[in-house]
Amino acid sequence: MKALTRYVFWQLFTGLMLVTASLTCVVWLSQSLRFIDMIVNRGLSAGMFVYLTGLMMPNFLTVILPVSLFAITTFTYHRMIMDRELVVMRAAGLSQFNIAKPAIMLAVLVIAMGYGLSTYLVPTSYTQFREMQWDIRYSFSHVLLKEGTFNTAGAGITVYVRERTDDGRLLGILAHDARDSAHSVTLMSEHGAMVQSKDGAKVVMFNGSRQNFNKKTKQLSILYFDRYVFELAPPSQVGETRHKEARERSMEALYNLDTAGLDKTNVGKFHVEIHRRLALPWSALGFVLIALSVLTSGSFTRRGEGRRIFTAVILAGAYQASLLMALNMAAKNEALIPMIYAITAMPVILGGAALLMPQLFHKKPSKTPPANLGAEA
């Protein structure tokens, strides 16, 4: 029995790793397309881009792992039914629970991984992701002024550079500043350089002119300079602080929630986040028991397996949709928080009962002989 359990467990484990890796790659590719703008307009390097998008993966793994576990459990047990392996196991005296034991063991492992992800790894990685994203978007430390193109360095700021030298100098600079609704400023210089200071990114220009156009009086004034510092973003416009999302906060920060600066209508999301992290890892066991209770119940036949798989997929989809609905409703009304635990536990309880007491869920075959046999007698 131990050998059979190991045999099925390693099939499930190997399949889980392959399915999880495939789904992770698909999700990573779809999500990384959102950050193409950072490569084009912000000069983000390929290595930094991969690291930034990789920080999002632990958050997606909390959803991918249970779904992957359901998919590989359904596939593996369906294949063993079609190959008559489960028929041999049942004929050898294995109970319904012993047949399902390898998948349940793997589900417990996924639950432990889910707790590690949701309580520590996701808050840590997502915090780093948000801080890097904030820095790239608002600090201008990653702005790259490409030569030969009009670069949008911020709201109302356009910078053109004719050429960039190997030592970082900018040649033929044209900058237009339209942040002030009453005035527009156009600067031209022979050469310059982009520098980063504690007050933000600046372009230092040499040998040029500053043209100030008053939109109300329609007057143009010109100032010639030897050296001029053009700030891409004044310190007052750069975001100094930001409020952390619920996913970024540690369990301790959520328990001792500081509501200063938070929208009162969204405080429920922070309270529900605690229960989401505590309850949802158990959904892995719920998904597994849905697949096992549907596929391994009753007699094994080749003709009815398609309907069983369809039923398992429908039940799993309804289970996932119910969990999402419960989370959204509890965020708006905290009195509904117990519903999160109830929905999470429902397939665990019903599926466990179906495995341990199958006679309660399946009608026993009739012992009455068929009518034609009685007539023959």
Protein backbone atom coordinates (compact mmCIF):
# COMPACT_ATOMS: atom_id res chain seq x y z
CA MET A 1 0.00 0.00 0.00
CA LYS A 2 2.88 2.36 0.78
CA ALA A 3 4.40 1.67 -2.62
CA LEU A 4 1.10 2.46 -4.37
CA THR A 5 0.74 5.65 -2.36
CA ARG A 6 4.25 6.79 -3.33
CA TYR A 7 3.60 5.88 -6.96
CA VAL A 8 0.44 8.00 -7.19
CA PHE A 9 1.89 10.82 -5.06
CA TRP A 10 4.93 11.33 -7.29
CA GLN A 11 2.76 11.32 -10.38
CA LEU A 12 0.62 14.04 -8.83
CA PHE A 13 3.63 16.00 -7.55
CA THR A 14 5.44 15.95 -10.90
CA GLY A 15 2.30 16.97 -12.75
CA LEU A 16 1.62 19.75 -10.24
CA MET A 17 5.07 21.24 -10.81
CA LEU A 18 4.65 21.13 -14.60
CA VAL A 19 1.14 22.61 -14.61
CA THR A 20 2.08 25.29 -12.08
CA ALA A 21 5.16 26.27 -14.10
CA SER A 22 3.11 26.46 -17.31
CA LEU A 23 0.35 28.56 -15.78
CA THR A 24 2.90 30.81 -14.06
CA CYS A 25 4.62 31.49 -17.39
CA VAL A 26 1.29 32.34 -19.03
CA VAL A 27 0.30 34.67 -16.19
CA TRP A 28 3.76 36.26 -16.13
CA LEU A 29 3.63 36.91 -19.88
CA SER A 30 0.13 38.44 -19.72
CA GLN A 31 0.98 40.64 -16.74
CA SER A 32 4.39 41.75 -18.05
CA LEU A 33 2.75 43.39 -21.06
CA ARG A 34 1.45 46.06 -18.68
CA PHE A 35 5.00 47.23 -18.04
CA ILE A 36 6.18 47.60 -21.62
CA ASP A 37 5.72 51.37 -21.19
CA MET A 38 8.39 51.34 -18.49
CA ILE A 39 10.88 49.82 -20.92
CA VAL A 40 10.02 52.20 -23.75
CA ASN A 41 9.60 55.49 -21.87
CA ARG A 42 11.47 54.93 -18.61
CA GLY A 43 14.54 53.12 -19.85
CA LEU A 44 14.00 50.09 -17.62
CA SER A 45 16.68 47.46 -18.23
CA ALA A 46 15.74 43.90 -19.17
CA GLY A 47 17.12 42.54 -15.89
CA MET A 48 15.21 45.08 -13.81
CA PHE A 49 12.06 44.37 -15.84
CA VAL A 50 12.28 40.61 -15.16
CA TYR A 51 12.96 41.24 -11.45
CA LEU A 52 10.05 43.69 -11.17
CA THR A 53 7.53 41.37 -12.81
CA GLY A 54 8.95 38.40 -10.88
CA LEU A 55 8.01 40.10 -7.62
CA MET A 56 4.36 39.73 -8.63
CA MET A 57 4.53 35.95 -8.99
CA PRO A 58 4.06 34.96 -5.30
CA ASN A 59 0.76 36.83 -5.33
CA PHE A 60 -0.43 34.85 -8.37
CA LEU A 61 0.86 31.55 -7.00
CA THR A 62 -1.72 31.70 -4.19
CA VAL A 63 -4.38 31.28 -6.90
CA ILE A 64 -2.43 29.17 -9.39
CA LEU A 65 -1.42 26.40 -6.96
CA PRO A 66 -4.97 25.28 -5.91
CA VAL A 67 -6.22 25.44 -9.51
CA SER A 68 -3.19 23.48 -10.76
CA LEU A 69 -3.71 20.91 -8.02
CA PHE A 70 -7.33 20.42 -9.07
CA ALA A 71 -6.34 20.07 -12.73
CA ILE A 72 -3.59 17.49 -12.15
CA THR A 73 -5.72 15.52 -9.65
CA THR A 74 -8.55 15.30 -12.17
CA PHE A 75 -6.19 14.33 -14.99
CA THR A 76 -4.21 11.74 -13.02
CA TYR A 77 -7.18 9.92 -11.50
CA HIS A 78 -9.05 10.00 -14.82
CA ARG A 79 -6.03 8.42 -16.55
CA MET A 80 -5.76 5.74 -13.86
CA ILE A 81 -9.46 4.96 -14.27
CA MET A 82 -9.10 4.63 -18.02
CA ASP A 83 -6.00 2.41 -17.59
CA ARG A 84 -7.87 0.31 -14.99
CA GLU A 85 -5.23 1.05 -12.36
CA LEU A 86 -7.83 2.14 -9.81
CA VAL A 87 -9.85 -0.99 -10.52
CA VAL A 88 -6.81 -3.09 -9.62
CA MET A 89 -6.20 -1.00 -6.48
CA ARG A 90 -9.79 -1.41 -5.37
CA ALA A 91 -9.67 -5.15 -6.11
CA ALA A 92 -6.50 -5.35 -4.00
CA GLY A 93 -8.51 -4.16 -1.02
CA LEU A 94 -7.72 -0.43 -0.94
CA SER A 95 -10.52 1.66 0.50
CA GLN A 96 -11.79 4.83 -1.10
CA PHE A 97 -9.81 6.91 1.39
CA ASN A 98 -6.57 5.01 0.70
CA ILE A 99 -7.02 5.59 -3.03
CA ALA A 100 -7.47 9.31 -2.37
CA LYS A 101 -4.69 9.50 0.23
CA PRO A 102 -1.84 10.60 -2.14
CA ALA A 103 -3.86 13.58 -3.42
CA ILE A 104 -4.85 14.57 0.11
CA MET A 105 -1.20 14.43 1.21
CA LEU A 106 -0.22 16.70 -1.70
CA ALA A 107 -3.10 19.05 -0.82
CA VAL A 108 -1.78 19.36 2.75
CA LEU A 109 1.63 20.26 1.30
CA VAL A 110 0.03 22.92 -0.91
CA ILE A 111 -1.86 24.28 2.11
CA ALA A 112 1.44 24.72 3.98
CA MET A 113 2.93 26.45 0.95
CA GLY A 114 -0.17 28.65 0.73
CA TYR A 115 0.24 29.82 4.31
CA GLY A 116 3.91 30.60 3.71
CA LEU A 117 3.03 32.57 0.59
CA SER A 118 0.05 34.49 1.95
CA THR A 119 1.40 35.36 5.40
CA TYR A 120 5.00 36.23 4.55
CA LEU A 121 6.22 35.98 0.94
CA VAL A 122 3.34 37.83 -0.76
CA PRO A 123 3.40 40.89 1.58
CA THR A 124 7.19 41.10 1.33
CA SER A 125 7.49 40.73 -2.45
CA TYR A 126 4.44 42.86 -3.24
CA THR A 127 5.76 45.65 -1.03
CA GLN A 128 9.04 45.65 -2.95
CA PHE A 129 7.14 45.60 -6.23
CA ARG A 130 4.99 48.59 -5.29
CA GLU A 131 7.97 50.58 -4.01
CA MET A 132 9.94 49.96 -7.20
CA GLN A 133 6.93 50.81 -9.33
CA TRP A 134 6.37 54.01 -7.36
CA ASP A 135 10.02 54.99 -7.71
CA ILE A 136 10.09 54.31 -11.45
CA ARG A 137 6.91 56.26 -12.11
CA TYR A 138 7.38 59.25 -9.84
CA SER A 139 10.99 59.79 -8.86
CA PHE A 140 12.29 60.09 -12.46
CA SER A 141 15.44 58.28 -11.43
CA HIS A 142 14.96 55.84 -14.29
CA VAL A 143 14.05 58.31 -17.04
CA LEU A 144 16.11 57.72 -20.15
CA LEU A 145 16.21 60.56 -22.69
CA LYS A 146 16.57 58.74 -25.99
CA GLU A 147 18.26 60.54 -28.82
CA GLY A 148 16.39 61.59 -31.94
CA THR A 149 12.93 61.37 -30.36
CA PHE A 150 10.59 63.56 -28.34
CA ASN A 151 10.62 62.08 -24.83
CA THR A 152 7.66 62.56 -22.50
CA ALA A 153 9.37 62.97 -19.14
CA GLY A 154 6.20 63.83 -17.22
CA ALA A 155 2.87 65.60 -17.43
CA GLY A 156 3.41 68.63 -19.66
CA ILE A 157 7.17 68.03 -20.11
CA THR A 158 8.70 67.11 -23.47
CA VAL A 159 12.44 66.79 -24.05
CA TYR A 160 14.26 66.26 -27.35
CA VAL A 161 17.92 65.26 -27.56
CA ARG A 162 19.75 65.20 -30.87
CA GLU A 163 22.57 62.96 -29.70
CA ARG A 164 23.89 61.17 -26.61
CA THR A 165 27.62 60.65 -26.20
CA ASP A 166 29.31 57.67 -24.56
CA ASP A 167 30.24 59.73 -21.51
CA GLY A 168 26.57 60.69 -20.89
CA ARG A 169 26.55 64.19 -22.43
CA LEU A 170 23.44 65.40 -24.24
CA LEU A 171 23.89 67.36 -27.48
CA GLY A 172 21.26 69.58 -29.10
CA ILE A 173 18.70 69.79 -26.30
CA LEU A 174 15.16 71.09 -26.76
CA ALA A 175 12.79 71.09 -23.77
CA HIS A 176 9.19 72.29 -23.59
CA ASP A 177 7.47 72.86 -20.24
CA ALA A 178 3.68 73.32 -20.33
CA ARG A 179 2.91 72.52 -16.68
CA ASP A 180 1.89 76.12 -15.95
CA SER A 181 -1.44 76.92 -17.61
CA ALA A 182 -0.55 80.64 -17.82
CA HIS A 183 2.97 80.29 -19.20
CA SER A 184 4.80 77.89 -21.46
CA VAL A 185 8.59 77.66 -21.48
CA THR A 186 10.82 76.42 -24.29
CA LEU A 187 14.52 75.87 -23.68
CA MET A 188 17.26 75.21 -26.23
CA SER A 189 20.91 74.54 -25.55
CA GLU A 190 23.99 73.29 -27.31
CA HIS A 191 24.83 70.58 -24.81
CA GLY A 192 24.13 69.42 -21.29
CA ALA A 193 23.72 66.39 -19.03
CA MET A 194 21.07 64.69 -16.95
CA VAL A 195 21.79 64.41 -13.22
CA GLN A 196 19.97 62.84 -10.31
CA SER A 197 19.85 64.57 -6.94
CA LYS A 198 17.89 64.10 -3.73
CA ASP A 199 15.39 66.67 -5.08
CA GLY A 200 14.72 64.72 -8.27
CA ALA A 201 16.02 64.41 -11.82
CA LYS A 202 17.41 67.55 -13.50
CA VAL A 203 18.86 68.48 -16.88
CA VAL A 204 21.83 70.86 -16.69
CA MET A 205 22.05 72.91 -19.91
CA PHE A 206 24.90 75.04 -21.26
CA ASN A 207 24.96 77.82 -23.89
CA GLY A 208 21.30 78.19 -24.73
CA SER A 209 18.15 80.26 -24.48
CA ARG A 210 14.94 80.25 -22.46
CA GLN A 211 11.76 81.43 -24.23
CA ASN A 212 8.84 82.30 -21.94
CA PHE A 213 5.45 82.73 -23.62
CA ASN A 214 2.64 84.44 -21.67
CA LYS A 215 -0.62 82.93 -22.89
CA LYS A 216 -2.74 85.80 -21.56
CA THR A 217 -0.76 88.77 -22.91
CA LYS A 218 0.62 86.83 -25.91
CA GLN A 219 4.11 88.19 -25.14
CA LEU A 220 7.33 86.28 -25.70
CA SER A 221 10.46 86.95 -23.64
CA ILE A 222 13.86 85.42 -24.36
CA LEU A 223 16.68 84.85 -21.87
CA TYR A 224 20.14 83.72 -23.00
CA PHE A 225 22.16 81.73 -20.52
CA ASP A 226 25.53 80.08 -20.11
CA ARG A 227 24.25 77.55 -17.62
CA TYR A 228 20.67 76.60 -16.71
CA VAL A 229 19.18 73.84 -14.55
CA PHE A 230 15.86 72.45 -15.73
CA GLU A 231 13.97 70.39 -13.15
CA LEU A 232 11.93 67.56 -14.59
CA ALA A 233 9.73 67.51 -11.49
CA PRO A 234 9.71 70.00 -8.60
CA PRO A 235 9.98 68.33 -5.18
CA SER A 236 6.46 69.45 -4.30
CA GLN A 237 5.04 67.39 -7.16
CA VAL A 238 6.94 64.19 -6.45
CA GLY A 239 4.96 61.76 -4.31
CA GLU A 240 6.78 61.55 -0.99
CA THR A 241 4.52 58.98 0.66
CA ARG A 242 1.99 56.40 -0.38
CA HIS A 243 -0.51 54.29 1.48
CA LYS A 244 0.13 50.56 1.42
CA GLU A 245 -2.47 48.24 -0.02
CA ALA A 246 -3.94 45.39 2.04
CA ARG A 247 -1.77 42.81 0.25
CA GLU A 248 1.40 44.69 1.22
CA ARG A 249 0.77 44.68 4.96
CA SER A 250 2.03 42.01 7.30
CA MET A 251 -0.33 40.06 9.54
CA GLU A 252 0.74 42.18 12.52
CA ALA A 253 0.05 45.40 10.60
CA LEU A 254 -3.40 44.12 9.63
CA TYR A 255 -4.27 43.10 13.19
CA ASN A 256 -3.12 46.51 14.51
CA LEU A 257 -4.47 48.48 11.57
CA ASP A 258 -3.69 52.18 11.48
CA THR A 259 -6.65 53.75 9.66
CA ALA A 260 -5.05 57.21 9.39
CA GLY A 261 -5.25 58.36 5.79
CA LEU A 262 -7.42 55.43 4.71
CA ASP A 263 -10.79 55.77 3.06
CA LYS A 264 -13.36 54.56 5.59
CA THR A 265 -15.32 52.78 2.85
CA ASN A 266 -12.25 50.64 2.07
CA VAL A 267 -11.28 49.71 5.64
CA GLY A 268 -13.28 46.50 5.25
CA LYS A 269 -10.80 45.29 2.60
CA PHE A 270 -8.01 45.40 5.17
CA HIS A 271 -10.06 43.49 7.74
CA VAL A 272 -11.10 40.86 5.20
CA GLU A 273 -7.49 40.43 4.07
CA ILE A 274 -6.68 38.75 7.40
CA HIS A 275 -9.41 36.15 6.94
CA ARG A 276 -8.55 35.68 3.27
CA ARG A 277 -5.01 34.68 4.24
CA LEU A 278 -6.25 32.33 6.96
CA ALA A 279 -9.05 30.64 5.01
CA LEU A 280 -8.09 30.47 1.35
CA PRO A 281 -5.07 28.12 1.63
CA TRP A 282 -7.58 25.44 2.64
CA SER A 283 -9.27 25.83 -0.74
CA ALA A 284 -6.55 23.53 -2.12
CA LEU A 285 -8.00 20.67 -0.07
CA GLY A 286 -11.50 21.71 -1.16
CA PHE A 287 -10.54 21.51 -4.85
CA VAL A 288 -8.90 18.11 -4.37
CA LEU A 289 -11.88 16.63 -2.54
CA ILE A 290 -14.23 17.91 -5.24
CA ALA A 291 -12.21 16.04 -7.87
CA LEU A 292 -11.81 12.89 -5.75
CA SER A 293 -15.40 12.63 -4.57
CA VAL A 294 -16.70 12.95 -8.13
CA LEU A 295 -14.15 10.75 -9.94
CA THR A 296 -13.62 7.92 -7.45
CA SER A 297 -17.20 7.51 -6.24
CA GLY A 298 -19.29 4.62 -7.50
CA SER A 299 -18.16 2.05 -10.01
CA PHE A 300 -15.51 2.75 -12.64
CA THR A 301 -16.69 2.77 -16.23
CA ARG A 302 -15.20 4.20 -19.41
CA ARG A 303 -18.52 5.51 -20.69
CA GLY A 304 -19.41 7.87 -17.84
CA GLU A 305 -16.04 9.49 -17.17
CA GLY A 306 -16.65 12.46 -19.46
CA ARG A 307 -19.71 13.44 -17.45
CA ARG A 308 -17.80 13.07 -14.21
CA ILE A 309 -15.01 15.35 -15.39
CA PHE A 310 -17.55 17.91 -16.59
CA THR A 311 -19.33 17.75 -13.22
CA ALA A 312 -16.04 18.20 -11.32
CA VAL A 313 -15.07 21.23 -13.43
CA ILE A 314 -18.49 22.85 -12.93
CA LEU A 315 -18.34 22.29 -9.16
CA ALA A 316 -14.78 23.65 -8.96
CA GLY A 317 -15.75 26.73 -10.97
CA ALA A 318 -18.74 27.34 -8.73
CA TYR A 319 -16.51 26.90 -5.67
CA GLN A 320 -13.98 29.47 -6.90
CA ALA A 321 -16.72 31.93 -7.87
CA SER A 322 -18.37 31.53 -4.45
CA LEU A 323 -15.09 32.30 -2.69
CA LEU A 324 -14.57 35.47 -4.72
CA MET A 325 -18.16 36.53 -4.11
CA ALA A 326 -17.81 35.93 -0.37
CA LEU A 327 -14.63 38.04 -0.22
CA ASN A 328 -16.24 40.93 -2.08
CA MET A 329 -19.40 40.84 0.02
CA ALA A 330 -17.48 40.60 3.30
CA ALA A 331 -15.36 43.62 2.34
CA LYS A 332 -18.57 45.67 2.13
CA ASN A 333 -20.28 44.08 5.13
CA GLU A 334 -17.95 42.62 7.77
CA ALA A 335 -20.81 40.69 9.35
CA LEU A 336 -20.51 38.29 6.39
CA ILE A 337 -16.90 37.32 7.19
CA PRO A 338 -17.97 33.90 8.62
CA MET A 339 -19.33 33.11 5.16
CA ILE A 340 -15.72 32.98 3.87
CA TYR A 341 -14.90 30.13 6.25
CA ALA A 342 -18.22 28.38 5.61
CA ILE A 343 -17.78 28.33 1.82
CA THR A 344 -14.12 27.28 2.15
CA ALA A 345 -15.02 24.37 4.45
CA MET A 346 -18.12 23.14 2.57
CA PRO A 347 -16.40 20.95 -0.07
CA VAL A 348 -13.89 19.76 2.55
CA ILE A 349 -16.69 18.47 4.78
CA LEU A 350 -18.88 17.04 2.02
CA GLY A 351 -15.97 15.60 0.06
CA GLY A 352 -14.45 14.04 3.17
CA ALA A 353 -17.79 12.46 4.06
CA ALA A 354 -18.13 11.11 0.52
CA LEU A 355 -14.74 9.41 0.82
CA LEU A 356 -15.14 8.06 4.35
CA MET A 357 -18.83 7.13 4.14
CA PRO A 358 -19.61 6.55 0.46
CA GLN A 359 -22.74 4.56 1.32
CA LEU A 360 -24.43 7.77 2.49
CA PHE A 361 -24.07 9.43 -0.91
CA HIS A 362 -24.68 6.54 -3.31
CA LYS A 363 -27.68 4.35 -3.74
CA LYS A 364 -27.02 0.68 -3.13
CA PRO A 365 -27.66 -1.58 -6.11
CA SER A 366 -30.94 -3.47 -5.98
CA LYS A 367 -30.80 -7.18 -5.15
CA THR A 368 -34.07 -7.90 -6.98
CA PRO A 369 -33.37 -10.06 -10.02
CA PRO A 370 -34.24 -8.63 -13.43
CA ALA A 371 -37.75 -9.29 -14.73
CA ASN A 372 -36.60 -11.37 -17.69
CA LEU A 373 -34.67 -13.76 -15.42
CA GLY A 374 -37.76 -14.24 -13.24
CA ALA A 375 -39.85 -14.99 -16.31
CA GLU A 376 -37.33 -17.56 -17.53
CA ALA A 377 -37.39 -19.25 -14.15
